[in-house]
Every structure is written in C-alpha cells, then in structure tokens.
N, C-alpha and C. Protein backbone atom coordinates (compact mmCIF):
# COMPACT_ATOMS: atom_id res chain seq x y z
N MET A 1 119.83 97.53 166.65
CA MET A 1 121.11 97.65 167.34
C MET A 1 121.45 99.13 167.53
N LYS A 2 121.80 99.50 168.75
CA LYS A 2 122.16 100.88 169.04
C LYS A 2 123.56 101.20 168.51
N LYS A 3 123.68 102.34 167.87
CA LYS A 3 124.98 102.80 167.40
C LYS A 3 125.56 103.76 168.43
N VAL A 4 126.76 103.47 168.90
CA VAL A 4 127.41 104.28 169.93
C VAL A 4 128.67 104.91 169.35
N LEU A 5 128.75 106.23 169.42
CA LEU A 5 129.97 106.94 169.02
C LEU A 5 130.71 107.33 170.29
N HIS A 6 131.91 106.80 170.46
CA HIS A 6 132.73 107.13 171.63
C HIS A 6 133.82 108.09 171.20
N ILE A 7 133.70 109.34 171.62
CA ILE A 7 134.67 110.38 171.30
C ILE A 7 135.65 110.47 172.47
N THR A 8 136.90 110.12 172.22
CA THR A 8 137.90 110.12 173.30
C THR A 8 138.86 111.29 173.13
N ALA A 9 139.22 111.90 174.25
CA ALA A 9 140.09 113.09 174.21
C ALA A 9 141.24 112.97 175.20
N SER A 10 141.76 111.76 175.35
CA SER A 10 142.92 111.56 176.22
C SER A 10 144.05 110.93 175.43
N PRO A 11 145.22 111.59 175.34
CA PRO A 11 146.34 111.03 174.59
C PRO A 11 147.11 109.96 175.35
N ARG A 12 146.68 109.65 176.58
CA ARG A 12 147.43 108.72 177.42
C ARG A 12 147.12 107.25 177.16
N GLY A 13 146.12 106.98 176.32
CA GLY A 13 145.81 105.61 175.96
C GLY A 13 145.50 104.73 177.16
N ALA A 14 146.18 103.59 177.25
CA ALA A 14 145.91 102.61 178.30
C ALA A 14 146.18 103.16 179.70
N GLN A 15 146.97 104.22 179.81
CA GLN A 15 147.26 104.82 181.12
C GLN A 15 146.18 105.79 181.57
N SER A 16 145.24 106.08 180.70
CA SER A 16 144.22 107.09 180.98
C SER A 16 143.20 106.59 182.00
N ARG A 17 143.04 107.35 183.06
CA ARG A 17 142.01 107.02 184.05
C ARG A 17 140.62 107.33 183.49
N THR A 18 140.54 108.35 182.65
CA THR A 18 139.27 108.69 182.01
C THR A 18 138.78 107.52 181.16
N LEU A 19 139.68 106.96 180.35
CA LEU A 19 139.29 105.87 179.46
C LEU A 19 138.97 104.59 180.23
N ARG A 20 139.60 104.43 181.37
CA ARG A 20 139.26 103.26 182.21
C ARG A 20 137.80 103.34 182.66
N ILE A 21 137.40 104.51 183.12
CA ILE A 21 136.01 104.69 183.54
C ILE A 21 135.07 104.56 182.35
N ALA A 22 135.46 105.17 181.23
CA ALA A 22 134.62 105.11 180.03
C ALA A 22 134.46 103.68 179.54
N GLY A 23 135.50 102.87 179.69
CA GLY A 23 135.40 101.46 179.29
C GLY A 23 134.32 100.74 180.08
N GLU A 24 134.19 101.08 181.36
CA GLU A 24 133.13 100.49 182.18
C GLU A 24 131.75 100.94 181.70
N LEU A 25 131.67 102.20 181.25
CA LEU A 25 130.40 102.70 180.72
C LEU A 25 130.02 101.96 179.44
N ILE A 26 130.98 101.77 178.54
CA ILE A 26 130.70 101.05 177.30
C ILE A 26 130.22 99.63 177.62
N ALA A 27 130.86 98.98 178.58
CA ALA A 27 130.45 97.63 178.99
C ALA A 27 129.02 97.65 179.53
N LYS A 28 128.68 98.69 180.30
CA LYS A 28 127.33 98.82 180.85
C LYS A 28 126.31 99.03 179.74
N LEU A 29 126.66 99.84 178.74
CA LEU A 29 125.74 100.07 177.62
C LEU A 29 125.46 98.78 176.87
N LYS A 30 126.46 97.91 176.77
CA LYS A 30 126.26 96.61 176.12
C LYS A 30 125.27 95.76 176.91
N LYS A 31 125.35 95.85 178.25
CA LYS A 31 124.41 95.11 179.10
C LYS A 31 122.99 95.65 178.97
N ILE A 32 122.89 96.98 178.88
CA ILE A 32 121.57 97.62 178.80
C ILE A 32 120.90 97.36 177.46
N HIS A 33 121.68 97.52 176.39
CA HIS A 33 121.10 97.47 175.04
C HIS A 33 121.37 96.18 174.28
N GLY A 34 122.09 95.26 174.90
CA GLY A 34 122.48 94.05 174.16
C GLY A 34 123.62 94.40 173.23
N GLU A 35 123.60 93.86 172.06
CA GLU A 35 124.68 94.14 171.11
C GLU A 35 124.63 95.61 170.66
N ILE A 36 125.80 96.25 170.62
CA ILE A 36 125.87 97.63 170.13
C ILE A 36 126.91 97.71 169.01
N ALA A 37 126.74 98.72 168.16
CA ALA A 37 127.74 98.99 167.12
C ALA A 37 128.58 100.15 167.63
N LEU A 38 129.82 99.86 168.01
CA LEU A 38 130.68 100.87 168.64
C LEU A 38 131.64 101.48 167.62
N ASP A 39 131.61 102.81 167.54
CA ASP A 39 132.53 103.57 166.68
C ASP A 39 133.34 104.47 167.61
N THR A 40 134.65 104.28 167.64
CA THR A 40 135.51 105.08 168.52
C THR A 40 136.29 106.11 167.71
N LEU A 41 136.20 107.36 168.12
CA LEU A 41 136.91 108.45 167.45
C LEU A 41 137.84 109.11 168.46
N ASP A 42 139.13 108.94 168.26
CA ASP A 42 140.15 109.54 169.14
C ASP A 42 140.58 110.87 168.52
N VAL A 43 140.24 111.97 169.17
CA VAL A 43 140.53 113.28 168.58
C VAL A 43 142.02 113.57 168.50
N PHE A 44 142.84 112.81 169.24
CA PHE A 44 144.28 113.02 169.18
C PHE A 44 144.97 112.25 168.06
N THR A 45 144.32 111.22 167.55
CA THR A 45 144.91 110.46 166.44
C THR A 45 144.16 110.67 165.13
N GLU A 46 142.91 111.10 165.21
CA GLU A 46 142.12 111.38 164.02
C GLU A 46 142.69 112.61 163.31
N LYS A 47 142.77 112.55 162.00
CA LYS A 47 143.24 113.71 161.24
C LYS A 47 142.05 114.64 161.01
N LEU A 48 141.88 115.58 161.90
CA LEU A 48 140.75 116.50 161.84
C LEU A 48 141.06 117.65 160.87
N PRO A 49 140.11 118.00 160.01
CA PRO A 49 140.35 119.11 159.08
C PRO A 49 140.47 120.44 159.82
N GLU A 50 141.34 121.29 159.33
CA GLU A 50 141.50 122.62 159.92
C GLU A 50 140.39 123.54 159.43
N MET A 51 139.96 124.45 160.30
CA MET A 51 138.98 125.45 159.88
C MET A 51 139.74 126.62 159.25
N ASN A 52 140.22 126.38 158.02
CA ASN A 52 140.99 127.41 157.31
C ASN A 52 140.04 128.43 156.67
N ILE A 53 140.59 129.38 155.94
CA ILE A 53 139.79 130.47 155.39
C ILE A 53 138.72 129.97 154.44
N THR A 54 139.04 128.94 153.64
CA THR A 54 138.06 128.41 152.69
C THR A 54 136.89 127.78 153.42
N ARG A 55 137.19 127.01 154.46
CA ARG A 55 136.11 126.35 155.21
C ARG A 55 135.30 127.37 156.01
N VAL A 56 135.96 128.38 156.53
CA VAL A 56 135.24 129.43 157.26
C VAL A 56 134.31 130.20 156.32
N LYS A 57 134.78 130.46 155.11
CA LYS A 57 133.92 131.12 154.12
C LYS A 57 132.68 130.28 153.84
N GLY A 58 132.88 128.96 153.77
CA GLY A 58 131.75 128.06 153.58
C GLY A 58 130.76 128.15 154.72
N LYS A 59 131.27 128.26 155.94
CA LYS A 59 130.40 128.38 157.11
C LYS A 59 129.55 129.64 157.01
N TYR A 60 130.16 130.73 156.56
CA TYR A 60 129.40 131.98 156.43
C TYR A 60 128.36 131.89 155.32
N MET A 61 128.65 131.11 154.28
CA MET A 61 127.64 130.88 153.24
C MET A 61 126.41 130.21 153.86
N LEU A 62 126.66 129.16 154.64
CA LEU A 62 125.56 128.43 155.27
C LEU A 62 124.80 129.29 156.27
N MET A 63 125.53 130.10 157.03
CA MET A 63 124.89 130.96 158.03
C MET A 63 123.97 131.99 157.38
N SER A 64 124.30 132.38 156.15
CA SER A 64 123.48 133.37 155.45
C SER A 64 122.42 132.72 154.56
N GLY A 65 122.28 131.39 154.69
CA GLY A 65 121.24 130.69 153.94
C GLY A 65 121.62 130.30 152.53
N GLN A 66 122.90 130.44 152.17
CA GLN A 66 123.33 130.07 150.82
C GLN A 66 123.79 128.62 150.78
N GLU A 67 123.88 128.08 149.56
CA GLU A 67 124.47 126.76 149.35
C GLU A 67 125.99 126.93 149.26
N LEU A 68 126.71 125.88 149.61
CA LEU A 68 128.17 125.91 149.44
C LEU A 68 128.50 126.02 147.95
N SER A 69 129.50 126.81 147.63
CA SER A 69 129.88 126.98 146.23
C SER A 69 131.39 127.17 146.12
N GLY A 70 131.91 127.05 144.90
CA GLY A 70 133.33 127.27 144.66
C GLY A 70 134.20 126.27 145.41
N ASP A 71 135.33 126.76 145.91
CA ASP A 71 136.29 125.91 146.63
C ASP A 71 135.70 125.31 147.90
N ALA A 72 134.68 125.96 148.45
CA ALA A 72 134.10 125.50 149.71
C ALA A 72 133.44 124.13 149.57
N VAL A 73 132.98 123.79 148.38
CA VAL A 73 132.31 122.49 148.18
C VAL A 73 133.26 121.35 148.52
N ASP A 74 134.44 121.35 147.91
CA ASP A 74 135.42 120.29 148.19
C ASP A 74 135.99 120.42 149.60
N ALA A 75 136.21 121.65 150.05
CA ALA A 75 136.80 121.88 151.37
C ALA A 75 135.90 121.35 152.49
N TRP A 76 134.59 121.30 152.23
CA TRP A 76 133.65 120.89 153.26
C TRP A 76 133.35 119.39 153.25
N LYS A 77 133.93 118.64 152.34
CA LYS A 77 133.62 117.20 152.27
C LYS A 77 134.01 116.49 153.57
N GLU A 78 135.20 116.80 154.09
CA GLU A 78 135.63 116.17 155.35
C GLU A 78 134.75 116.59 156.52
N ILE A 79 134.37 117.86 156.54
CA ILE A 79 133.51 118.35 157.62
C ILE A 79 132.17 117.62 157.59
N LYS A 80 131.58 117.51 156.40
CA LYS A 80 130.30 116.82 156.26
C LYS A 80 130.41 115.36 156.68
N ALA A 81 131.55 114.74 156.39
CA ALA A 81 131.75 113.33 156.77
C ALA A 81 131.77 113.18 158.29
N HIS A 82 132.41 114.12 158.99
CA HIS A 82 132.44 114.07 160.45
C HIS A 82 131.05 114.34 161.04
N ILE A 83 130.32 115.25 160.44
CA ILE A 83 128.96 115.52 160.91
C ILE A 83 128.08 114.29 160.73
N ALA A 84 128.19 113.65 159.56
CA ALA A 84 127.39 112.45 159.28
C ALA A 84 127.74 111.33 160.26
N ARG A 85 129.02 111.21 160.57
CA ARG A 85 129.46 110.18 161.52
C ARG A 85 128.86 110.42 162.90
N PHE A 86 128.82 111.67 163.31
CA PHE A 86 128.22 112.03 164.60
C PHE A 86 126.73 111.74 164.61
N LEU A 87 126.04 112.19 163.58
CA LEU A 87 124.58 112.06 163.54
C LEU A 87 124.12 110.63 163.30
N ALA A 88 125.02 109.75 162.87
CA ALA A 88 124.66 108.35 162.66
C ALA A 88 124.49 107.61 163.98
N ALA A 89 124.98 108.20 165.07
CA ALA A 89 124.95 107.53 166.37
C ALA A 89 123.63 107.77 167.10
N ASP A 90 123.21 106.75 167.85
CA ASP A 90 122.05 106.88 168.73
C ASP A 90 122.48 107.35 170.11
N ILE A 91 123.70 106.98 170.48
CA ILE A 91 124.26 107.32 171.79
C ILE A 91 125.65 107.90 171.58
N ILE A 92 125.93 109.00 172.26
CA ILE A 92 127.24 109.64 172.19
C ILE A 92 127.91 109.53 173.56
N VAL A 93 129.14 109.05 173.57
CA VAL A 93 129.94 109.04 174.80
C VAL A 93 131.16 109.94 174.57
N ILE A 94 131.32 110.93 175.41
CA ILE A 94 132.47 111.83 175.34
C ILE A 94 133.35 111.57 176.55
N SER A 95 134.58 111.15 176.31
CA SER A 95 135.52 110.88 177.41
C SER A 95 136.62 111.94 177.39
N THR A 96 136.71 112.72 178.45
CA THR A 96 137.68 113.82 178.44
C THR A 96 138.26 114.10 179.82
N PRO A 97 139.56 114.29 179.90
CA PRO A 97 140.13 114.80 181.15
C PRO A 97 139.90 116.31 181.23
N MET A 98 140.10 116.87 182.39
CA MET A 98 140.07 118.33 182.54
C MET A 98 141.48 118.86 182.32
N TRP A 99 141.60 119.80 181.39
CA TRP A 99 142.87 120.49 181.15
C TRP A 99 142.65 121.97 181.39
N ASN A 100 143.36 122.54 182.34
CA ASN A 100 143.24 123.97 182.62
C ASN A 100 141.79 124.39 182.80
N PHE A 101 141.06 123.59 183.57
CA PHE A 101 139.66 123.83 183.95
C PHE A 101 138.66 123.51 182.85
N GLY A 102 139.10 123.21 181.64
CA GLY A 102 138.18 122.94 180.55
C GLY A 102 138.54 121.67 179.80
N ILE A 103 138.08 121.59 178.54
CA ILE A 103 138.34 120.40 177.73
C ILE A 103 139.65 120.56 176.97
N PRO A 104 140.31 119.47 176.57
CA PRO A 104 141.52 119.56 175.75
C PRO A 104 141.23 120.24 174.41
N TYR A 105 142.23 120.91 173.88
CA TYR A 105 142.06 121.69 172.65
C TYR A 105 141.62 120.84 171.46
N LYS A 106 142.01 119.57 171.44
CA LYS A 106 141.63 118.72 170.32
C LYS A 106 140.13 118.41 170.33
N LEU A 107 139.55 118.32 171.51
CA LEU A 107 138.10 118.12 171.59
C LEU A 107 137.37 119.37 171.14
N LYS A 108 137.90 120.53 171.50
CA LYS A 108 137.30 121.79 171.04
C LYS A 108 137.40 121.88 169.51
N HIS A 109 138.53 121.45 168.96
CA HIS A 109 138.72 121.41 167.50
C HIS A 109 137.62 120.57 166.86
N TYR A 110 137.37 119.39 167.43
CA TYR A 110 136.34 118.50 166.89
C TYR A 110 134.96 119.16 166.94
N ILE A 111 134.64 119.77 168.07
CA ILE A 111 133.34 120.44 168.22
C ILE A 111 133.20 121.56 167.19
N ASP A 112 134.27 122.33 166.98
CA ASP A 112 134.21 123.43 166.02
C ASP A 112 134.01 122.93 164.59
N ILE A 113 134.40 121.70 164.32
CA ILE A 113 134.19 121.11 162.99
C ILE A 113 132.74 120.65 162.83
N VAL A 114 132.24 119.96 163.84
CA VAL A 114 130.93 119.30 163.73
C VAL A 114 129.76 120.26 163.96
N TRP A 115 129.90 121.22 164.86
CA TRP A 115 128.77 122.11 165.19
C TRP A 115 128.62 123.17 164.10
N GLN A 116 127.87 122.82 163.07
CA GLN A 116 127.72 123.71 161.92
C GLN A 116 126.25 124.04 161.67
N PRO A 117 125.98 125.28 161.24
CA PRO A 117 124.60 125.69 160.95
C PRO A 117 124.03 124.86 159.81
N GLY A 118 122.76 124.51 159.96
CA GLY A 118 122.09 123.72 158.94
C GLY A 118 122.27 122.23 159.12
N PHE A 119 123.18 121.84 160.01
CA PHE A 119 123.43 120.43 160.29
C PHE A 119 123.13 120.09 161.75
N MET A 120 123.70 120.87 162.66
CA MET A 120 123.50 120.62 164.09
C MET A 120 122.48 121.59 164.70
N PHE A 121 122.28 122.71 164.06
CA PHE A 121 121.31 123.70 164.53
C PHE A 121 120.91 124.59 163.37
N LYS A 122 119.82 125.30 163.55
CA LYS A 122 119.39 126.27 162.54
C LYS A 122 118.82 127.49 163.23
N TYR A 123 118.83 128.59 162.52
CA TYR A 123 118.27 129.83 163.05
C TYR A 123 116.87 130.04 162.48
N THR A 124 115.93 130.39 163.35
CA THR A 124 114.56 130.65 162.93
C THR A 124 114.13 132.02 163.46
N GLU A 125 112.93 132.43 163.10
CA GLU A 125 112.40 133.71 163.59
C GLU A 125 112.27 133.70 165.11
N ASN A 126 112.12 132.51 165.67
CA ASN A 126 111.95 132.39 167.12
C ASN A 126 113.25 132.03 167.84
N GLY A 127 114.36 132.11 167.12
CA GLY A 127 115.65 131.80 167.74
C GLY A 127 116.24 130.50 167.22
N PRO A 128 117.40 130.10 167.73
CA PRO A 128 118.07 128.89 167.26
C PRO A 128 117.33 127.62 167.68
N VAL A 129 117.38 126.61 166.82
CA VAL A 129 116.75 125.32 167.08
C VAL A 129 117.78 124.22 166.86
N GLY A 130 117.93 123.33 167.83
CA GLY A 130 118.85 122.20 167.68
C GLY A 130 118.31 121.16 166.73
N LEU A 131 119.18 120.54 165.97
CA LEU A 131 118.77 119.56 164.96
C LEU A 131 119.23 118.14 165.28
N ALA A 132 119.87 117.95 166.43
CA ALA A 132 120.40 116.62 166.76
C ALA A 132 119.68 115.97 167.94
N ALA A 133 118.49 116.46 168.25
CA ALA A 133 117.74 115.95 169.41
C ALA A 133 117.43 114.46 169.26
N GLY A 134 117.14 113.83 170.41
CA GLY A 134 116.74 112.43 170.39
C GLY A 134 117.87 111.46 170.67
N ARG A 135 119.07 111.97 170.84
CA ARG A 135 120.23 111.13 171.15
C ARG A 135 120.60 111.27 172.63
N LYS A 136 121.03 110.17 173.20
CA LYS A 136 121.50 110.18 174.58
C LYS A 136 123.00 110.49 174.59
N VAL A 137 123.43 111.32 175.53
CA VAL A 137 124.85 111.68 175.64
C VAL A 137 125.35 111.38 177.05
N TYR A 138 126.51 110.76 177.11
CA TYR A 138 127.22 110.56 178.38
C TYR A 138 128.55 111.29 178.29
N VAL A 139 128.89 112.02 179.35
CA VAL A 139 130.19 112.69 179.42
C VAL A 139 130.95 112.10 180.60
N VAL A 140 132.06 111.44 180.30
CA VAL A 140 132.92 110.88 181.33
C VAL A 140 134.14 111.78 181.45
N SER A 141 134.40 112.29 182.64
CA SER A 141 135.56 113.17 182.81
C SER A 141 136.28 112.86 184.11
N THR A 142 137.59 113.11 184.09
CA THR A 142 138.37 113.04 185.32
C THR A 142 139.02 114.40 185.53
N ARG A 143 139.21 114.74 186.79
CA ARG A 143 139.76 116.05 187.13
C ARG A 143 140.85 115.87 188.18
N GLY A 144 141.90 116.67 188.09
CA GLY A 144 142.99 116.59 189.05
C GLY A 144 142.55 116.97 190.45
N GLY A 145 141.72 118.03 190.54
CA GLY A 145 141.20 118.49 191.82
C GLY A 145 139.76 118.08 192.01
N ASP A 146 139.16 118.59 193.06
CA ASP A 146 137.77 118.27 193.38
C ASP A 146 136.88 119.47 193.05
N TYR A 147 136.09 119.33 191.99
CA TYR A 147 135.20 120.40 191.53
C TYR A 147 133.74 120.01 191.73
N THR A 148 133.51 119.13 192.69
CA THR A 148 132.15 118.66 192.98
C THR A 148 131.23 119.84 193.28
N PRO A 149 129.97 119.80 192.80
CA PRO A 149 129.02 120.86 193.12
C PRO A 149 128.93 121.09 194.63
N GLY A 150 128.99 122.36 195.01
CA GLY A 150 128.92 122.72 196.42
C GLY A 150 130.27 122.94 197.07
N THR A 151 131.35 122.57 196.36
CA THR A 151 132.70 122.79 196.90
C THR A 151 133.20 124.16 196.45
N PRO A 152 134.21 124.71 197.13
CA PRO A 152 134.75 126.02 196.75
C PRO A 152 135.27 126.06 195.31
N ALA A 153 135.72 124.92 194.79
CA ALA A 153 136.30 124.89 193.44
C ALA A 153 135.27 124.70 192.33
N GLU A 154 134.00 124.51 192.69
CA GLU A 154 132.98 124.26 191.67
C GLU A 154 132.98 125.29 190.53
N PRO A 155 133.10 126.61 190.83
CA PRO A 155 133.06 127.60 189.74
C PRO A 155 134.17 127.45 188.70
N TYR A 156 135.23 126.73 189.06
CA TYR A 156 136.34 126.56 188.12
C TYR A 156 136.10 125.43 187.12
N ASP A 157 135.07 124.65 187.35
CA ASP A 157 134.73 123.57 186.42
C ASP A 157 134.10 124.16 185.17
N GLN A 158 134.87 124.22 184.09
CA GLN A 158 134.35 124.76 182.83
C GLN A 158 133.91 123.65 181.87
N ILE A 159 134.15 122.40 182.23
CA ILE A 159 133.72 121.29 181.37
C ILE A 159 132.19 121.19 181.37
N THR A 160 131.61 121.11 182.56
CA THR A 160 130.17 120.87 182.67
C THR A 160 129.34 121.97 182.03
N PRO A 161 129.53 123.24 182.39
CA PRO A 161 128.69 124.28 181.78
C PRO A 161 128.92 124.42 180.27
N TYR A 162 130.18 124.30 179.84
CA TYR A 162 130.45 124.44 178.40
C TYR A 162 129.77 123.33 177.60
N LEU A 163 129.96 122.08 178.02
CA LEU A 163 129.37 120.98 177.25
C LEU A 163 127.85 120.98 177.34
N LYS A 164 127.29 121.37 178.48
CA LYS A 164 125.83 121.50 178.58
C LYS A 164 125.33 122.51 177.56
N THR A 165 126.04 123.62 177.44
CA THR A 165 125.64 124.68 176.51
C THR A 165 125.75 124.24 175.07
N VAL A 166 126.92 123.72 174.69
CA VAL A 166 127.14 123.38 173.28
C VAL A 166 126.28 122.19 172.86
N LEU A 167 126.11 121.21 173.74
CA LEU A 167 125.24 120.08 173.42
C LEU A 167 123.78 120.54 173.33
N GLY A 168 123.37 121.36 174.28
CA GLY A 168 122.00 121.87 174.27
C GLY A 168 121.69 122.69 173.03
N TRP A 169 122.70 123.41 172.52
CA TRP A 169 122.52 124.22 171.31
C TRP A 169 122.14 123.34 170.12
N ALA A 170 122.62 122.09 170.15
CA ALA A 170 122.31 121.14 169.07
C ALA A 170 121.05 120.32 169.39
N GLY A 171 120.40 120.63 170.51
CA GLY A 171 119.20 119.89 170.88
C GLY A 171 119.48 118.65 171.71
N LEU A 172 120.73 118.48 172.12
CA LEU A 172 121.13 117.31 172.91
C LEU A 172 121.03 117.68 174.39
N THR A 173 119.88 117.41 174.97
CA THR A 173 119.62 117.82 176.35
C THR A 173 119.59 116.65 177.33
N ASP A 174 119.56 115.42 176.82
CA ASP A 174 119.57 114.24 177.69
C ASP A 174 121.03 113.84 177.92
N VAL A 175 121.65 114.50 178.89
CA VAL A 175 123.10 114.35 179.11
C VAL A 175 123.35 113.88 180.55
N THR A 176 124.14 112.83 180.69
CA THR A 176 124.55 112.34 182.00
C THR A 176 126.05 112.56 182.16
N PHE A 177 126.43 113.25 183.23
CA PHE A 177 127.84 113.51 183.52
C PHE A 177 128.33 112.54 184.58
N ILE A 178 129.46 111.89 184.31
CA ILE A 178 130.08 110.96 185.24
C ILE A 178 131.51 111.44 185.47
N SER A 179 131.84 111.81 186.70
CA SER A 179 133.14 112.42 186.97
C SER A 179 133.94 111.64 188.01
N GLY A 180 135.23 111.50 187.75
CA GLY A 180 136.15 110.94 188.73
C GLY A 180 137.05 112.05 189.24
N GLN A 181 136.93 112.37 190.54
CA GLN A 181 137.69 113.49 191.10
C GLN A 181 137.76 113.38 192.62
N PRO A 182 138.86 113.87 193.22
CA PRO A 182 140.08 114.38 192.61
C PRO A 182 141.03 113.24 192.26
N MET A 183 141.81 113.44 191.20
CA MET A 183 142.76 112.43 190.78
C MET A 183 144.18 112.77 191.23
N ASP A 184 144.67 113.94 190.85
CA ASP A 184 146.05 114.31 191.16
C ASP A 184 146.23 114.75 192.61
N ALA A 185 145.24 115.47 193.12
CA ALA A 185 145.32 115.94 194.51
C ALA A 185 144.81 114.84 195.43
N ASN A 186 145.47 113.68 195.35
CA ASN A 186 145.00 112.53 196.11
C ASN A 186 146.13 111.51 196.20
N THR A 187 145.98 110.54 197.10
CA THR A 187 146.92 109.43 197.17
C THR A 187 146.53 108.38 196.13
N GLU A 188 147.41 107.43 195.87
CA GLU A 188 147.08 106.36 194.92
C GLU A 188 145.85 105.60 195.37
N GLU A 189 145.78 105.34 196.65
CA GLU A 189 144.63 104.65 197.23
C GLU A 189 143.37 105.50 197.08
N GLY A 190 143.52 106.81 197.32
CA GLY A 190 142.39 107.72 197.18
C GLY A 190 141.91 107.82 195.75
N ARG A 191 142.85 107.85 194.79
CA ARG A 191 142.49 107.90 193.36
C ARG A 191 141.68 106.67 192.98
N GLU A 192 142.18 105.53 193.42
CA GLU A 192 141.49 104.27 193.09
C GLU A 192 140.08 104.26 193.65
N ALA A 193 139.92 104.79 194.86
CA ALA A 193 138.59 104.85 195.48
C ALA A 193 137.65 105.74 194.67
N LYS A 194 138.17 106.87 194.15
CA LYS A 194 137.34 107.78 193.37
C LYS A 194 136.99 107.19 192.01
N ILE A 195 137.91 106.44 191.43
CA ILE A 195 137.61 105.75 190.17
C ILE A 195 136.50 104.73 190.39
N LYS A 196 136.60 103.98 191.47
CA LYS A 196 135.58 102.98 191.78
C LYS A 196 134.24 103.63 192.09
N GLU A 197 134.30 104.83 192.67
CA GLU A 197 133.07 105.59 192.95
C GLU A 197 132.36 105.95 191.65
N ALA A 198 133.14 106.40 190.66
CA ALA A 198 132.57 106.74 189.35
C ALA A 198 132.01 105.50 188.67
N ILE A 199 132.72 104.38 188.79
CA ILE A 199 132.26 103.13 188.19
C ILE A 199 130.98 102.66 188.86
N ALA A 200 130.87 102.87 190.18
CA ALA A 200 129.65 102.50 190.90
C ALA A 200 128.45 103.29 190.39
N THR A 201 128.69 104.56 190.03
CA THR A 201 127.63 105.39 189.45
C THR A 201 127.16 104.78 188.13
N ILE A 202 128.11 104.30 187.34
CA ILE A 202 127.79 103.68 186.05
C ILE A 202 126.96 102.42 186.25
N GLU A 203 127.32 101.63 187.24
CA GLU A 203 126.62 100.37 187.49
C GLU A 203 125.15 100.57 187.84
N LYS A 204 124.81 101.76 188.33
CA LYS A 204 123.41 102.06 188.69
C LYS A 204 122.57 102.51 187.50
N LEU A 205 123.22 102.76 186.36
CA LEU A 205 122.48 103.21 185.18
C LEU A 205 121.54 102.13 184.69
N ALA A 206 120.41 102.57 184.16
CA ALA A 206 119.43 101.60 183.64
C ALA A 206 118.99 102.00 182.24
C-alpha cells in the first residue's frame, strides 16, 4: 500500500480552490495505486516547532558532523518526528496557493523544520547529496494571476523554481506541477474553467 503525505498550505479549508484540485489528485492516486494510506498535514493547524536558538544550535552541531547534545536533544524530538513523518511517505502531495509570488509562510516554516542536514541531505567531498530520493512529488498550486511559462508574468512565479530547488536538494527530482491560473484575475466562469483545466491534467496522469 502506498503511503501518501498530503501537505496542505491553505487556511481557507472547504473554500480553497487549491484543495479542491488537490482532492481530485488524491482521488486519482487512489485509482492508480488502489488503496492508499493517506496522511494529511495542514501547516496552518499543525503546531509546528519554532526554530529557536536551542534548535538552531542543534542544526549547527549536525552541520559540523557532531551528535546532538545537551538541551538540543530534547529540543529536536519534534523536528525528528516531522522528518520521520515526511520520510515515511512514498508519495508527497504539496497543495499551496501563491502568496506574494511565493509560498505561504507556514509552508516555508515546515520546510525549514524538515530540511535538515543528515536527514534530508548530506555534505560530501563532491558536494551535497540528497537523502530522500525515490519518492514521487506532486505540487498543486493556484495563482491569482497567470504565470504560465512563456507569459510576461512567468518570472514572477517563485513557487516553481523555489520548490524545484529545495526538493531537488533533498534528492526529490520526480516532481509534477499542477497549476490552476488565473483565479482572481478572472470571471467566476473563467475560474471554473481553469479549475477544470487543472483537473483534466490530473485525469491524464498514469
């Protein structure tokens, strides 16, 4: 049974257009893989640990090749739990709206917790090596404007390049982006058409 971790970054709940599209993707994954074990993590309701001074000191211990010690041992228990939860998944689905050209701050908070040296990547003589390879990632996003490749607004899309970079750093290179756009700069009828367009892309997945 495939384990799917669905990381959601929209506080709008049932009103979220992003989550509507993502729901269709989850349904498609069930058709592709049969029964799946779905774990949903909402970054807006999850109590994410803060990267305070003790936890940051722990990060520097790991970056320098040391074991966690002192207060950092207990401080890192929550971080390790989130990393383990991420790495337990075979498939990762990230659902995020575009906020100010990028991802919501809570999703960045989550990434800053999970992307840790020795867990998601390591440094070698030949450069950094990702440690989370072998997992499939889907990124579902909605945008107020149209940032489609080839349009004048494409350079303002900071979701795609940022997530490609951070996921790739962890060895996650099999990434499919599914976007619904434009949402706000559109009529209600036009928005619905763009949502259905994104869903049609999902239906073609195999």
